[in-house]
N, C-alpha and C. Protein backbone atom coordinates (compact mmCIF):
# COMPACT_ATOMS: atom_id res chain seq x y z
N MET A 1 7.70 2.96 -15.06
CA MET A 1 6.93 3.97 -14.05
C MET A 1 7.29 4.13 -12.31
N ILE A 2 6.92 5.56 -12.36
CA ILE A 2 7.16 5.59 -10.86
C ILE A 2 6.54 6.91 -10.16
N GLY A 3 5.66 6.04 -9.00
CA GLY A 3 5.19 6.81 -7.85
C GLY A 3 5.89 7.03 -6.65
N GLU A 4 5.92 8.39 -6.76
CA GLU A 4 6.65 9.03 -5.44
C GLU A 4 6.28 10.12 -5.33
N ASP A 5 6.24 10.62 -4.10
CA ASP A 5 6.00 11.98 -3.56
C ASP A 5 7.31 12.82 -3.46
N ALA A 6 7.79 12.47 -3.06
CA ALA A 6 9.30 13.40 -3.13
C ALA A 6 10.04 13.74 -4.26
N VAL A 7 9.74 14.82 -3.95
CA VAL A 7 10.55 15.40 -5.45
C VAL A 7 11.86 14.96 -6.06
N LEU A 8 12.39 14.97 -4.91
CA LEU A 8 14.03 15.33 -5.31
C LEU A 8 14.44 13.45 -5.22
N LEU A 9 13.20 11.89 -4.43
CA LEU A 9 13.93 11.11 -4.71
C LEU A 9 13.32 10.81 -6.02
N ARG A 10 11.81 11.42 -6.51
CA ARG A 10 11.59 10.79 -8.32
C ARG A 10 12.44 11.29 -8.77
N ALA A 11 12.92 12.60 -9.00
CA ALA A 11 13.51 12.41 -9.97
C ALA A 11 15.11 11.51 -9.92
N GLY A 12 15.91 11.52 -8.61
CA GLY A 12 17.04 10.83 -8.44
C GLY A 12 16.05 9.38 -9.35
N LEU A 13 15.47 8.72 -8.99
CA LEU A 13 14.96 7.41 -9.03
C LEU A 13 15.32 7.31 -11.17
N VAL A 14 14.71 8.70 -11.46
CA VAL A 14 14.52 8.81 -13.02
C VAL A 14 15.78 8.61 -13.81
N ARG A 15 16.47 9.34 -12.97
CA ARG A 15 17.91 9.60 -13.22
C ARG A 15 18.93 8.00 -13.11
N VAL A 16 18.86 7.65 -11.96
CA VAL A 16 19.41 6.47 -12.07
C VAL A 16 18.66 5.45 -13.29
N LEU A 17 17.71 5.52 -13.23
CA LEU A 17 16.98 4.30 -14.17
C LEU A 17 17.32 4.88 -16.00
N GLU A 18 17.16 5.85 -15.78
CA GLU A 18 17.66 6.56 -17.16
C GLU A 18 19.06 6.12 -18.01
N GLU A 19 19.76 6.33 -16.15
CA GLU A 19 21.32 5.84 -17.01
C GLU A 19 22.10 4.79 -17.29
N ALA A 20 20.63 4.23 -16.59
CA ALA A 20 21.28 2.70 -16.39
C ALA A 20 20.59 1.92 -17.84
N GLY A 21 19.62 2.86 -18.61
CA GLY A 21 19.55 2.33 -20.54
C GLY A 21 17.89 2.06 -19.54
N GLU A 22 17.04 2.29 -19.15
CA GLU A 22 16.04 2.03 -18.79
C GLU A 22 14.78 3.83 -19.40
N GLU A 23 13.61 3.33 -19.19
CA GLU A 23 13.30 4.12 -19.85
C GLU A 23 11.25 4.47 -19.14
N VAL A 24 11.69 6.05 -18.63
CA VAL A 24 10.69 5.91 -17.67
C VAL A 24 9.73 6.58 -18.73
N VAL A 25 8.58 6.16 -18.21
CA VAL A 25 7.14 6.42 -19.27
C VAL A 25 6.37 7.86 -18.12
N ALA A 26 6.80 7.38 -17.01
CA ALA A 26 6.05 8.90 -16.41
C ALA A 26 6.69 8.65 -15.13
N ALA A 27 6.71 9.40 -14.39
CA ALA A 27 6.77 9.86 -13.10
C ALA A 27 5.93 11.38 -11.91
N VAL A 28 5.07 10.05 -11.28
CA VAL A 28 4.33 11.01 -10.48
C VAL A 28 4.40 11.20 -9.29
N GLY A 29 3.55 12.17 -8.43
CA GLY A 29 3.63 12.47 -7.09
C GLY A 29 2.31 11.72 -6.64
N ASP A 30 1.12 11.20 -6.73
CA ASP A 30 0.02 10.73 -5.86
C ASP A 30 -0.50 9.64 -6.51
N ALA A 31 -1.24 8.72 -5.34
CA ALA A 31 -1.79 7.58 -6.16
C ALA A 31 -2.90 7.50 -6.91
N PRO A 32 -3.74 8.55 -6.98
CA PRO A 32 -4.29 8.16 -8.43
C PRO A 32 -3.82 8.52 -9.88
N ALA A 33 -2.98 9.64 -9.60
CA ALA A 33 -2.31 9.75 -10.94
C ALA A 33 -1.49 8.61 -11.41
N LEU A 34 -0.94 7.78 -9.75
CA LEU A 34 -0.37 6.57 -10.13
C LEU A 34 -1.27 5.67 -10.91
N VAL A 35 -2.53 5.43 -10.32
CA VAL A 35 -3.48 4.38 -11.05
C VAL A 35 -3.60 4.85 -12.60
N ASP A 36 -3.71 6.15 -12.62
CA ASP A 36 -4.49 6.39 -13.68
C ASP A 36 -3.34 6.48 -14.91
N ALA A 37 -1.94 6.63 -14.70
CA ALA A 37 -0.77 6.69 -15.71
C ALA A 37 -0.51 4.53 -15.55
N VAL A 38 -0.63 3.85 -14.67
CA VAL A 38 -0.51 2.88 -15.19
C VAL A 38 -1.48 2.37 -16.24
N THR A 39 -2.37 2.40 -15.98
CA THR A 39 -3.60 2.02 -17.04
C THR A 39 -3.63 2.37 -18.38
N ARG A 40 -3.12 3.67 -18.14
CA ARG A 40 -3.19 4.61 -19.60
C ARG A 40 -1.72 3.77 -20.64
N LEU A 41 -1.11 3.79 -19.81
CA LEU A 41 0.66 3.38 -19.99
C LEU A 41 0.92 1.80 -20.36
N SER A 42 0.47 1.43 -19.48
CA SER A 42 0.67 -0.36 -19.40
C SER A 42 2.10 -0.53 -19.20
N PRO A 43 2.93 0.20 -18.68
CA PRO A 43 4.68 -0.21 -18.13
C PRO A 43 4.69 -1.06 -17.63
N ASP A 44 5.87 -1.61 -17.87
CA ASP A 44 6.53 -3.16 -17.87
C ASP A 44 6.63 -3.49 -16.26
N VAL A 45 6.54 -2.18 -15.43
CA VAL A 45 6.81 -2.44 -13.88
C VAL A 45 6.65 -0.97 -13.44
N ALA A 46 5.81 -0.86 -12.07
CA ALA A 46 5.92 0.24 -11.98
C ALA A 46 6.50 0.10 -10.36
N ILE A 47 7.12 1.28 -10.13
CA ILE A 47 8.13 1.59 -8.88
C ILE A 47 7.26 2.70 -7.74
N VAL A 48 6.52 1.95 -6.63
CA VAL A 48 5.74 2.29 -6.33
C VAL A 48 5.98 2.79 -4.65
N ASP A 49 5.92 3.98 -4.16
CA ASP A 49 6.06 4.56 -2.26
C ASP A 49 4.80 4.25 -2.02
N ILE A 50 5.03 3.99 -0.60
CA ILE A 50 3.62 3.99 0.21
C ILE A 50 2.97 4.80 0.46
N ARG A 51 3.59 5.86 0.94
CA ARG A 51 3.21 7.16 1.71
C ARG A 51 2.93 8.11 0.53
N MET A 52 1.75 8.27 0.21
CA MET A 52 1.58 9.23 -1.40
C MET A 52 0.09 10.16 -0.72
N PRO A 53 0.55 11.15 -1.44
CA PRO A 53 -1.08 12.04 -1.42
C PRO A 53 -2.11 11.07 -2.11
N PRO A 54 -3.58 10.76 -1.79
CA PRO A 54 -4.09 12.65 -1.33
C PRO A 54 -3.94 12.18 0.32
N ASP A 55 -3.91 11.15 1.20
CA ASP A 55 -4.02 11.15 2.39
C ASP A 55 -2.51 10.74 2.94
N MET A 56 -1.43 10.46 2.56
CA MET A 56 -0.16 10.28 3.17
C MET A 56 -0.12 9.03 3.99
N THR A 57 -0.93 7.91 3.85
CA THR A 57 -0.78 7.18 5.05
C THR A 57 -0.07 5.67 4.11
N ASP A 58 -0.85 5.07 3.63
CA ASP A 58 -0.62 3.87 2.70
C ASP A 58 -1.45 3.64 1.52
N ASP A 59 -1.64 5.18 1.15
CA ASP A 59 -2.68 5.45 -0.49
C ASP A 59 -1.07 4.58 -1.35
N GLY A 60 0.15 4.50 -1.43
CA GLY A 60 0.58 3.92 -3.17
C GLY A 60 0.67 2.51 -2.35
N LEU A 61 0.65 1.77 -1.44
CA LEU A 61 0.63 0.29 -1.36
C LEU A 61 -0.81 0.47 -1.96
N ARG A 62 -2.06 0.39 -1.30
CA ARG A 62 -3.66 0.13 -1.67
C ARG A 62 -4.07 0.68 -3.12
N ALA A 63 -3.20 1.75 -3.57
CA ALA A 63 -3.18 1.64 -5.66
C ALA A 63 -2.27 0.56 -5.85
N ALA A 64 -1.46 0.05 -5.50
CA ALA A 64 -1.01 -1.13 -5.98
C ALA A 64 -1.85 -2.23 -6.15
N ILE A 65 -2.32 -2.56 -4.89
CA ILE A 65 -3.23 -3.95 -5.12
C ILE A 65 -4.51 -3.47 -5.58
N GLU A 66 -4.93 -2.14 -5.70
CA GLU A 66 -6.56 -2.35 -6.96
C GLU A 66 -5.80 -2.56 -8.64
N LEU A 67 -4.04 -1.80 -9.05
CA LEU A 67 -3.87 -2.36 -9.93
C LEU A 67 -3.21 -3.39 -10.44
N ARG A 68 -3.05 -4.50 -9.67
CA ARG A 68 -2.80 -5.94 -9.25
C ARG A 68 -4.15 -6.55 -9.17
N THR A 69 -5.28 -5.94 -8.78
CA THR A 69 -6.72 -6.83 -8.72
C THR A 69 -6.73 -6.50 -9.79
N ARG A 70 -6.72 -5.31 -10.27
CA ARG A 70 -7.76 -4.93 -12.26
C ARG A 70 -6.82 -6.00 -13.01
N ARG A 71 -5.53 -5.93 -12.81
CA ARG A 71 -4.55 -6.58 -13.52
C ARG A 71 -3.64 -7.07 -13.46
N PRO A 72 -3.60 -8.84 -12.94
CA PRO A 72 -2.72 -9.33 -12.62
C PRO A 72 -1.09 -9.33 -12.84
N ASP A 73 -1.49 -9.28 -14.42
CA ASP A 73 0.06 -9.16 -14.78
C ASP A 73 0.85 -8.01 -14.84
N SER A 74 0.11 -7.16 -13.96
CA SER A 74 0.83 -5.71 -13.64
C SER A 74 2.16 -6.00 -12.55
N ALA A 75 3.42 -5.72 -13.23
CA ALA A 75 4.35 -5.64 -12.05
C ALA A 75 4.35 -4.84 -11.22
N VAL A 76 4.77 -4.53 -10.30
CA VAL A 76 4.78 -4.00 -9.28
C VAL A 76 6.08 -3.83 -8.15
N LEU A 77 6.68 -2.94 -7.69
CA LEU A 77 7.81 -3.00 -7.26
C LEU A 77 7.66 -1.76 -6.02
N VAL A 78 7.48 -2.09 -5.14
CA VAL A 78 7.06 -1.10 -3.74
C VAL A 78 8.16 -1.01 -3.26
N PHE A 79 8.68 0.51 -3.32
CA PHE A 79 9.60 1.22 -2.82
C PHE A 79 9.30 1.68 -1.33
N SER A 80 9.98 1.30 -0.19
CA SER A 80 9.54 2.37 0.65
C SER A 80 10.26 2.23 1.91
N GLN A 81 9.97 2.98 3.18
CA GLN A 81 11.25 3.44 3.99
C GLN A 81 10.30 2.15 5.59
N TYR A 82 9.12 1.67 5.12
CA TYR A 82 8.39 0.72 6.54
C TYR A 82 8.09 -0.35 5.39
N VAL A 83 7.70 -1.57 5.98
CA VAL A 83 6.82 -2.17 6.12
C VAL A 83 5.50 -2.15 6.52
N GLU A 84 4.69 -2.52 6.04
CA GLU A 84 3.25 -1.82 6.07
C GLU A 84 3.00 -3.05 6.06
N GLN A 85 2.81 -3.92 7.25
CA GLN A 85 2.24 -5.26 7.31
C GLN A 85 1.25 -5.84 6.30
N ALA A 86 0.01 -5.21 7.44
CA ALA A 86 -1.38 -5.81 6.84
C ALA A 86 -1.56 -5.87 4.97
N TYR A 87 -1.50 -4.01 4.71
CA TYR A 87 -1.52 -4.19 3.16
C TYR A 87 -0.37 -4.72 2.36
N ALA A 88 0.79 -5.30 2.84
CA ALA A 88 1.55 -5.73 2.28
C ALA A 88 1.56 -7.29 1.98
N SER A 89 0.85 -7.84 3.38
CA SER A 89 0.05 -9.37 3.29
C SER A 89 -0.84 -9.63 1.96
N GLU A 90 -2.16 -8.55 2.14
CA GLU A 90 -2.67 -8.14 0.98
C GLU A 90 -1.93 -7.93 -0.21
N LEU A 91 -0.89 -7.38 -0.91
CA LEU A 91 0.00 -7.24 -1.84
C LEU A 91 0.27 -8.77 -1.99
N LEU A 92 1.04 -9.45 -1.46
CA LEU A 92 1.43 -10.76 -1.94
C LEU A 92 0.46 -11.65 -1.86
N ALA A 93 -0.77 -11.67 -1.37
CA ALA A 93 -1.79 -12.26 -1.99
C ALA A 93 -2.37 -12.11 -3.39
N THR A 94 -2.14 -11.39 -3.60
CA THR A 94 -2.66 -11.42 -5.16
C THR A 94 -1.57 -11.83 -6.20
N GLY A 95 -0.56 -12.39 -5.97
CA GLY A 95 0.29 -13.30 -6.73
C GLY A 95 1.72 -13.16 -6.69
N SER A 96 2.88 -14.08 -6.87
CA SER A 96 4.26 -13.67 -6.60
C SER A 96 4.98 -13.48 -7.95
N VAL A 97 3.93 -13.45 -9.33
CA VAL A 97 4.85 -13.15 -10.72
C VAL A 97 4.48 -11.68 -10.12
N GLY A 98 5.94 -10.96 -11.19
CA GLY A 98 5.82 -9.62 -11.44
C GLY A 98 5.72 -8.72 -9.74
N LEU A 99 6.70 -9.63 -8.71
CA LEU A 99 5.71 -8.24 -7.62
C LEU A 99 7.47 -8.50 -6.65
N GLY A 100 7.68 -7.02 -5.84
CA GLY A 100 8.64 -6.78 -5.19
C GLY A 100 8.32 -5.79 -4.09
N TYR A 101 9.40 -6.13 -3.34
CA TYR A 101 8.91 -5.06 -1.83
C TYR A 101 10.39 -4.81 -1.45
N LEU A 102 10.72 -3.81 -1.33
CA LEU A 102 12.45 -3.47 -0.99
C LEU A 102 12.20 -2.01 -0.35
N LEU A 103 13.31 -1.74 0.68
CA LEU A 103 13.04 -1.13 1.71
C LEU A 103 14.36 -0.25 1.49
N LYS A 104 13.95 1.29 1.32
CA LYS A 104 14.78 2.43 1.04
C LYS A 104 15.97 2.15 1.68
N GLU A 105 16.15 1.89 2.56
CA GLU A 105 17.48 2.27 3.87
C GLU A 105 18.43 1.11 4.10
N ARG A 106 17.86 -0.26 3.26
CA ARG A 106 18.57 -1.43 2.71
C ARG A 106 19.44 -1.43 1.46
N VAL A 107 18.52 -0.48 0.24
CA VAL A 107 19.23 -0.77 -0.45
C VAL A 107 20.65 -0.04 -0.97
N ALA A 108 21.83 -0.71 -0.64
CA ALA A 108 23.09 -0.07 -0.54
C ALA A 108 23.84 -0.49 -2.00
N ASP A 109 23.15 -0.77 -2.88
CA ASP A 109 24.33 -0.46 -4.59
C ASP A 109 22.99 -0.16 -5.37
N VAL A 110 23.29 1.15 -6.26
CA VAL A 110 22.24 1.15 -7.35
C VAL A 110 22.31 -0.17 -8.76
N GLY A 111 23.44 -0.43 -8.40
CA GLY A 111 23.09 -1.59 -9.57
C GLY A 111 22.53 -2.76 -9.21
N GLN A 112 22.34 -2.99 -7.87
CA GLN A 112 21.50 -4.18 -7.47
C GLN A 112 19.80 -3.39 -7.40
N PHE A 113 19.81 -2.36 -6.84
CA PHE A 113 18.51 -1.72 -7.72
C PHE A 113 17.71 -2.44 -8.85
N VAL A 114 18.58 -1.55 -9.53
CA VAL A 114 18.31 -1.48 -10.97
C VAL A 114 17.92 -3.07 -11.86
N GLU A 115 18.79 -4.21 -11.33
CA GLU A 115 18.89 -5.75 -11.18
C GLU A 115 17.21 -6.05 -10.63
N ALA A 116 17.02 -5.51 -9.54
CA ALA A 116 15.77 -6.02 -8.83
C ALA A 116 14.57 -5.37 -9.58
N VAL A 117 15.16 -3.82 -10.18
CA VAL A 117 13.51 -3.50 -10.88
C VAL A 117 13.38 -4.46 -12.42
N ARG A 118 14.28 -4.78 -12.94
CA ARG A 118 14.41 -5.71 -13.97
C ARG A 118 14.18 -6.84 -13.64
N ARG A 119 14.20 -7.67 -12.99
CA ARG A 119 13.89 -8.88 -12.49
C ARG A 119 12.38 -9.17 -12.45
N VAL A 120 11.92 -7.78 -11.32
CA VAL A 120 9.96 -7.71 -11.32
C VAL A 120 9.62 -7.43 -12.37
N ALA A 121 10.41 -6.81 -13.59
CA ALA A 121 9.67 -6.15 -14.79
C ALA A 121 9.59 -7.69 -15.58
N ALA A 122 10.32 -8.48 -15.39
CA ALA A 122 10.36 -9.80 -16.48
C ALA A 122 9.37 -10.79 -15.80
N GLY A 123 8.65 -10.19 -14.59
CA GLY A 123 7.99 -11.35 -14.19
C GLY A 123 8.35 -12.58 -12.88
N GLY A 124 9.27 -11.67 -12.10
CA GLY A 124 10.31 -12.48 -10.76
C GLY A 124 9.69 -11.69 -9.81
N THR A 125 10.59 -12.09 -8.69
CA THR A 125 10.33 -11.15 -7.65
C THR A 125 11.41 -10.60 -7.01
N ALA A 126 10.88 -9.42 -6.12
CA ALA A 126 12.48 -8.67 -5.14
C ALA A 126 11.78 -8.55 -4.04
N LEU A 127 11.90 -9.46 -2.88
CA LEU A 127 11.49 -9.33 -1.70
C LEU A 127 12.89 -8.75 -0.22
N ASP A 128 12.89 -7.89 -0.18
CA ASP A 128 13.52 -7.82 0.85
C ASP A 128 13.42 -8.87 2.01
N PRO A 129 14.67 -9.11 2.73
CA PRO A 129 14.64 -9.98 3.98
C PRO A 129 13.73 -9.28 5.28
N GLU A 130 14.20 -8.28 5.47
CA GLU A 130 13.45 -7.75 6.63
C GLU A 130 11.94 -7.98 6.35
N VAL A 131 11.14 -7.96 4.94
CA VAL A 131 10.30 -7.63 4.80
C VAL A 131 9.57 -9.13 5.29
N VAL A 132 10.01 -10.02 5.00
CA VAL A 132 9.49 -11.44 4.97
C VAL A 132 9.70 -12.05 6.19
N VAL A 133 10.57 -11.26 7.00
CA VAL A 133 10.46 -11.63 8.65
C VAL A 133 9.56 -11.23 9.02
N GLN A 134 9.38 -9.69 8.89
CA GLN A 134 7.96 -9.08 9.32
C GLN A 134 6.80 -9.52 8.95
N LEU A 135 6.47 -10.18 7.51
CA LEU A 135 5.37 -10.88 7.11
C LEU A 135 5.31 -11.94 8.03
N VAL A 136 6.38 -12.77 7.96
CA VAL A 136 6.12 -14.58 8.81
C VAL A 136 5.69 -14.30 10.28
N ALA A 137 6.39 -13.17 11.03
CA ALA A 137 5.86 -12.39 12.06
C ALA A 137 4.27 -12.41 12.47
N ARG A 138 3.94 -11.49 11.69
CA ARG A 138 2.99 -11.02 12.04
C ARG A 138 1.81 -12.82 11.62
N SER A 139 2.38 -13.32 10.51
CA SER A 139 1.18 -14.23 10.13
C SER A 139 0.89 -15.35 11.83
N ASN A 140 2.12 -15.41 12.35
CA ASN A 140 1.62 -15.83 13.59
C ASN A 140 1.04 -15.48 14.82
N ARG A 141 0.38 -14.20 14.49
CA ARG A 141 -0.15 -13.71 15.90
C ARG A 141 -1.48 -13.97 15.34
N ARG A 142 -2.17 -14.02 16.20
CA ARG A 142 -3.82 -14.08 16.28
C ARG A 142 -4.57 -12.96 16.69
N ASP A 143 -3.76 -11.59 16.29
CA ASP A 143 -4.35 -10.58 16.36
C ASP A 143 -5.67 -10.37 15.87
N PRO A 144 -7.01 -10.12 16.09
CA PRO A 144 -8.05 -9.95 15.24
C PRO A 144 -8.14 -8.83 14.23
N LEU A 145 -7.34 -7.73 14.93
CA LEU A 145 -6.94 -6.16 14.62
C LEU A 145 -6.16 -6.46 13.86
N ALA A 146 -5.22 -7.48 13.27
CA ALA A 146 -3.78 -7.43 12.43
C ALA A 146 -4.19 -7.17 11.22
N ARG A 147 -5.13 -7.17 10.68
CA ARG A 147 -4.84 -6.49 9.01
C ARG A 147 -5.44 -5.46 8.88
N LEU A 148 -5.46 -4.84 9.98
CA LEU A 148 -5.89 -3.04 9.66
C LEU A 148 -4.72 -2.29 9.58
N SER A 149 -4.97 -1.39 8.76
CA SER A 149 -3.00 -0.45 8.46
C SER A 149 -3.72 0.32 9.72
N PRO A 150 -2.24 0.96 10.26
CA PRO A 150 -2.43 2.05 11.22
C PRO A 150 -3.29 3.14 11.25
N ARG A 151 -3.39 3.54 9.85
CA ARG A 151 -4.49 4.53 10.11
C ARG A 151 -6.20 4.08 9.91
N GLU A 152 -6.07 2.55 9.93
CA GLU A 152 -7.45 2.40 9.90
C GLU A 152 -7.67 1.47 11.52
N ARG A 153 -6.34 1.44 12.12
CA ARG A 153 -6.45 1.19 13.41
C ARG A 153 -7.07 2.78 14.24
N GLU A 154 -6.60 4.14 13.58
CA GLU A 154 -6.90 5.41 14.45
C GLU A 154 -8.26 5.60 14.27
N VAL A 155 -8.90 5.00 12.62
CA VAL A 155 -10.06 5.15 12.69
C VAL A 155 -11.45 4.99 13.61
N LEU A 156 -10.34 3.41 13.87
CA LEU A 156 -11.65 2.19 14.64
C LEU A 156 -11.00 3.17 16.33
N SER A 157 -10.39 3.62 16.53
CA SER A 157 -10.07 4.11 17.77
C SER A 157 -11.24 5.00 17.78
N LEU A 158 -11.45 5.53 17.32
CA LEU A 158 -12.30 7.58 17.50
C LEU A 158 -13.11 6.87 17.30
N MET A 159 -13.83 5.52 16.14
CA MET A 159 -14.99 5.14 16.38
C MET A 159 -15.63 4.65 17.32
N ALA A 160 -14.60 3.61 18.14
CA ALA A 160 -15.12 3.39 19.42
C ALA A 160 -15.21 4.42 20.56
N GLU A 161 -14.59 5.77 20.10
CA GLU A 161 -14.96 6.77 21.31
C GLU A 161 -16.10 7.71 20.65
N GLY A 162 -17.12 6.65 19.98
CA GLY A 162 -18.34 7.13 19.32
C GLY A 162 -18.35 8.59 18.68
N ARG A 163 -16.92 8.42 17.79
CA ARG A 163 -16.51 9.85 16.90
C ARG A 163 -17.77 9.53 15.50
N SER A 164 -18.40 10.49 15.12
CA SER A 164 -18.90 10.23 13.80
C SER A 164 -18.02 10.60 12.41
N ASN A 165 -18.30 9.83 11.64
CA ASN A 165 -17.38 9.85 10.36
C ASN A 165 -16.43 11.30 10.55
N GLN A 166 -17.64 12.37 9.99
CA GLN A 166 -17.13 14.10 10.06
C GLN A 166 -16.15 14.06 10.76
N THR A 167 -16.64 14.26 12.31
CA THR A 167 -15.46 14.34 13.39
C THR A 167 -14.33 13.78 13.01
N ILE A 168 -13.98 12.37 12.58
CA ILE A 168 -13.08 11.93 12.77
C ILE A 168 -12.15 12.61 11.48
N ALA A 169 -12.62 12.63 10.14
CA ALA A 169 -11.89 13.90 9.51
C ALA A 169 -11.59 14.72 9.46
N ARG A 170 -12.03 15.37 10.50
CA ARG A 170 -11.53 16.50 11.23
C ARG A 170 -10.26 16.46 11.98
N LEU A 171 -10.60 15.63 12.95
CA LEU A 171 -9.28 15.13 13.84
C LEU A 171 -8.02 14.86 12.93
N LEU A 172 -8.44 13.48 12.13
CA LEU A 172 -7.29 13.37 11.14
C LEU A 172 -7.15 14.33 9.98
N VAL A 173 -7.31 15.34 10.03
CA VAL A 173 -7.06 15.60 8.77
C VAL A 173 -7.09 15.37 7.51
N VAL A 174 -8.32 14.90 7.52
CA VAL A 174 -8.54 14.03 5.66
C VAL A 174 -9.78 13.88 5.15
N SER A 175 -10.03 14.06 4.35
CA SER A 175 -11.37 14.36 3.74
C SER A 175 -12.50 13.16 3.86
N ASN A 176 -13.92 13.38 3.93
CA ASN A 176 -15.05 12.62 4.77
C ASN A 176 -14.77 11.12 3.91
N GLY A 177 -14.57 11.78 2.16
CA GLY A 177 -14.57 10.00 1.85
C GLY A 177 -13.64 9.31 2.18
N ALA A 178 -12.37 9.70 2.29
CA ALA A 178 -11.41 8.86 2.77
C ALA A 178 -11.64 8.23 3.89
N VAL A 179 -12.54 8.60 5.00
CA VAL A 179 -12.75 7.98 6.59
C VAL A 179 -13.89 6.84 5.94
N GLU A 180 -14.92 7.38 4.64
CA GLU A 180 -15.53 6.21 4.49
C GLU A 180 -15.22 5.04 4.23
N LYS A 181 -14.12 5.25 3.13
CA LYS A 181 -13.03 4.13 2.65
C LYS A 181 -12.06 3.22 3.50
N HIS A 182 -12.26 3.99 4.62
CA HIS A 182 -11.09 3.52 5.88
C HIS A 182 -12.10 2.53 6.57
N VAL A 183 -13.63 3.12 6.69
CA VAL A 183 -14.66 2.54 7.41
C VAL A 183 -15.13 1.09 6.82
N SER A 184 -14.65 0.91 5.22
CA SER A 184 -15.35 0.04 4.35
C SER A 184 -14.29 -0.73 4.67
N ASN A 185 -13.21 -0.37 4.28
CA ASN A 185 -11.83 -1.26 4.19
C ASN A 185 -11.65 -2.06 5.78
N ILE A 186 -12.41 -1.62 7.54
CA ILE A 186 -12.05 -1.68 8.44
C ILE A 186 -13.47 -2.81 8.48
N PHE A 187 -14.65 -3.17 7.78
CA PHE A 187 -15.66 -4.08 8.33
C PHE A 187 -15.10 -5.22 7.10
N THR A 188 -14.18 -4.64 6.15
CA THR A 188 -14.04 -5.82 4.98
C THR A 188 -13.44 -6.59 6.03
N LYS A 189 -12.19 -6.13 6.43
CA LYS A 189 -11.03 -7.30 7.33
C LYS A 189 -11.30 -7.40 8.39
N LEU A 190 -12.17 -7.39 8.94
CA LEU A 190 -13.10 -7.88 10.35
C LEU A 190 -13.87 -8.95 9.87
N ASP A 191 -14.21 -8.86 8.53
CA ASP A 191 -15.19 -9.85 8.05
C ASP A 191 -16.48 -9.50 8.38
N LEU A 192 -17.54 -8.19 7.97
CA LEU A 192 -18.25 -8.14 8.75
C LEU A 192 -19.07 -7.55 7.32
N PRO A 193 -19.59 -8.21 6.98
CA PRO A 193 -20.73 -8.25 5.19
C PRO A 193 -21.68 -7.30 5.75
N PRO A 194 -22.29 -6.91 4.69
CA PRO A 194 -23.38 -5.77 4.56
C PRO A 194 -24.64 -6.70 4.92
N ASN A 195 -24.42 -8.12 4.83
CA ASN A 195 -25.75 -8.41 5.28
C ASN A 195 -25.83 -8.72 7.18
N GLU A 196 -24.80 -8.29 7.87
CA GLU A 196 -24.82 -8.48 8.87
C GLU A 196 -26.70 -8.34 9.83
N PRO A 197 -26.72 -8.95 10.52
CA PRO A 197 -28.32 -8.97 10.91
C PRO A 197 -27.87 -7.18 12.09
N ASP A 198 -26.86 -7.23 12.94
CA ASP A 198 -26.51 -6.07 13.90
C ASP A 198 -25.63 -4.80 12.89
N ASP A 199 -25.82 -3.89 13.84
CA ASP A 199 -25.29 -2.38 12.98
C ASP A 199 -23.14 -2.86 13.01
N ARG A 200 -22.87 -2.86 11.61
CA ARG A 200 -21.50 -3.31 11.36
C ARG A 200 -21.02 -2.10 12.39
N ARG A 201 -20.80 -1.52 12.83
CA ARG A 201 -20.07 -0.20 13.29
C ARG A 201 -20.41 -0.53 14.50
N VAL A 202 -20.88 -1.19 15.51
CA VAL A 202 -20.95 -1.31 16.73
C VAL A 202 -20.09 -3.21 16.85
N LEU A 203 -20.24 -3.68 15.65
CA LEU A 203 -19.37 -4.85 16.30
C LEU A 203 -17.91 -4.39 15.66
N ALA A 204 -17.35 -4.27 15.14
CA ALA A 204 -16.18 -3.24 15.28
C ALA A 204 -15.38 -2.72 15.69
N VAL A 205 -16.93 -1.93 16.51
CA VAL A 205 -16.12 -1.27 17.86
C VAL A 205 -15.87 -2.76 19.05
N LEU A 206 -16.45 -3.36 18.89
CA LEU A 206 -16.61 -4.66 19.66
C LEU A 206 -15.00 -5.17 19.58
N ARG A 207 -15.04 -5.52 18.39
CA ARG A 207 -13.99 -6.51 18.24
C ARG A 207 -12.26 -5.35 18.82
N TRP A 208 -13.06 -4.52 18.39
CA TRP A 208 -11.55 -3.63 19.09
C TRP A 208 -11.36 -3.25 20.35
N LEU A 209 -12.53 -3.66 21.22
CA LEU A 209 -12.67 -3.55 22.57
C LEU A 209 -12.17 -4.78 23.09
N GLY A 210 -12.29 -6.19 22.14
CA GLY A 210 -11.68 -6.95 22.72
C GLY A 210 -10.35 -7.12 22.70
N ALA A 211 -9.77 -6.73 22.06
CA ALA A 211 -8.54 -7.02 21.44
C ALA A 211 -7.70 -5.80 22.19
């Protein structure tokens, strides 16, 4: 199963895997379609890009976390151009069985890539050393906002300016629903539960200003 929004790269992955003797049951270009296809087809492994529609931020990685949360035995190989540290840590926290994270620019051999796909499908792991280095470095920092994704930091920055969700959506060119989801994630990652006696929005902004 392949989740990749770039048409040529998606077609290339299909061809590489099929020429290696693997069956590609579906290849989709956005995160909701990825979640739907994996849920329906139960593939041995899902190869997932990070930046996918609808928001073109970290939708693919969030979809992978959702799949792993729903079904911990879902094998996922993240195949991306960069390390999204906050969500990568969250993904790795779902367990090490059937999990991989490779950087596109560092894969120099097709056979090595296919072997990594098969290893993850079989329940093993395939982590690029650079991913490990960045996550270890992140774990040593004490930034209270370190868990936020780049997009969530943007949203929180605009919240600190006093912008409404509707205005944030217009400025970032995303839907209101996407902003609401980001705000909810911010509250969760900053450990601001719904029963906080004070306004969570204000508390989140204070965390931002403090950092």
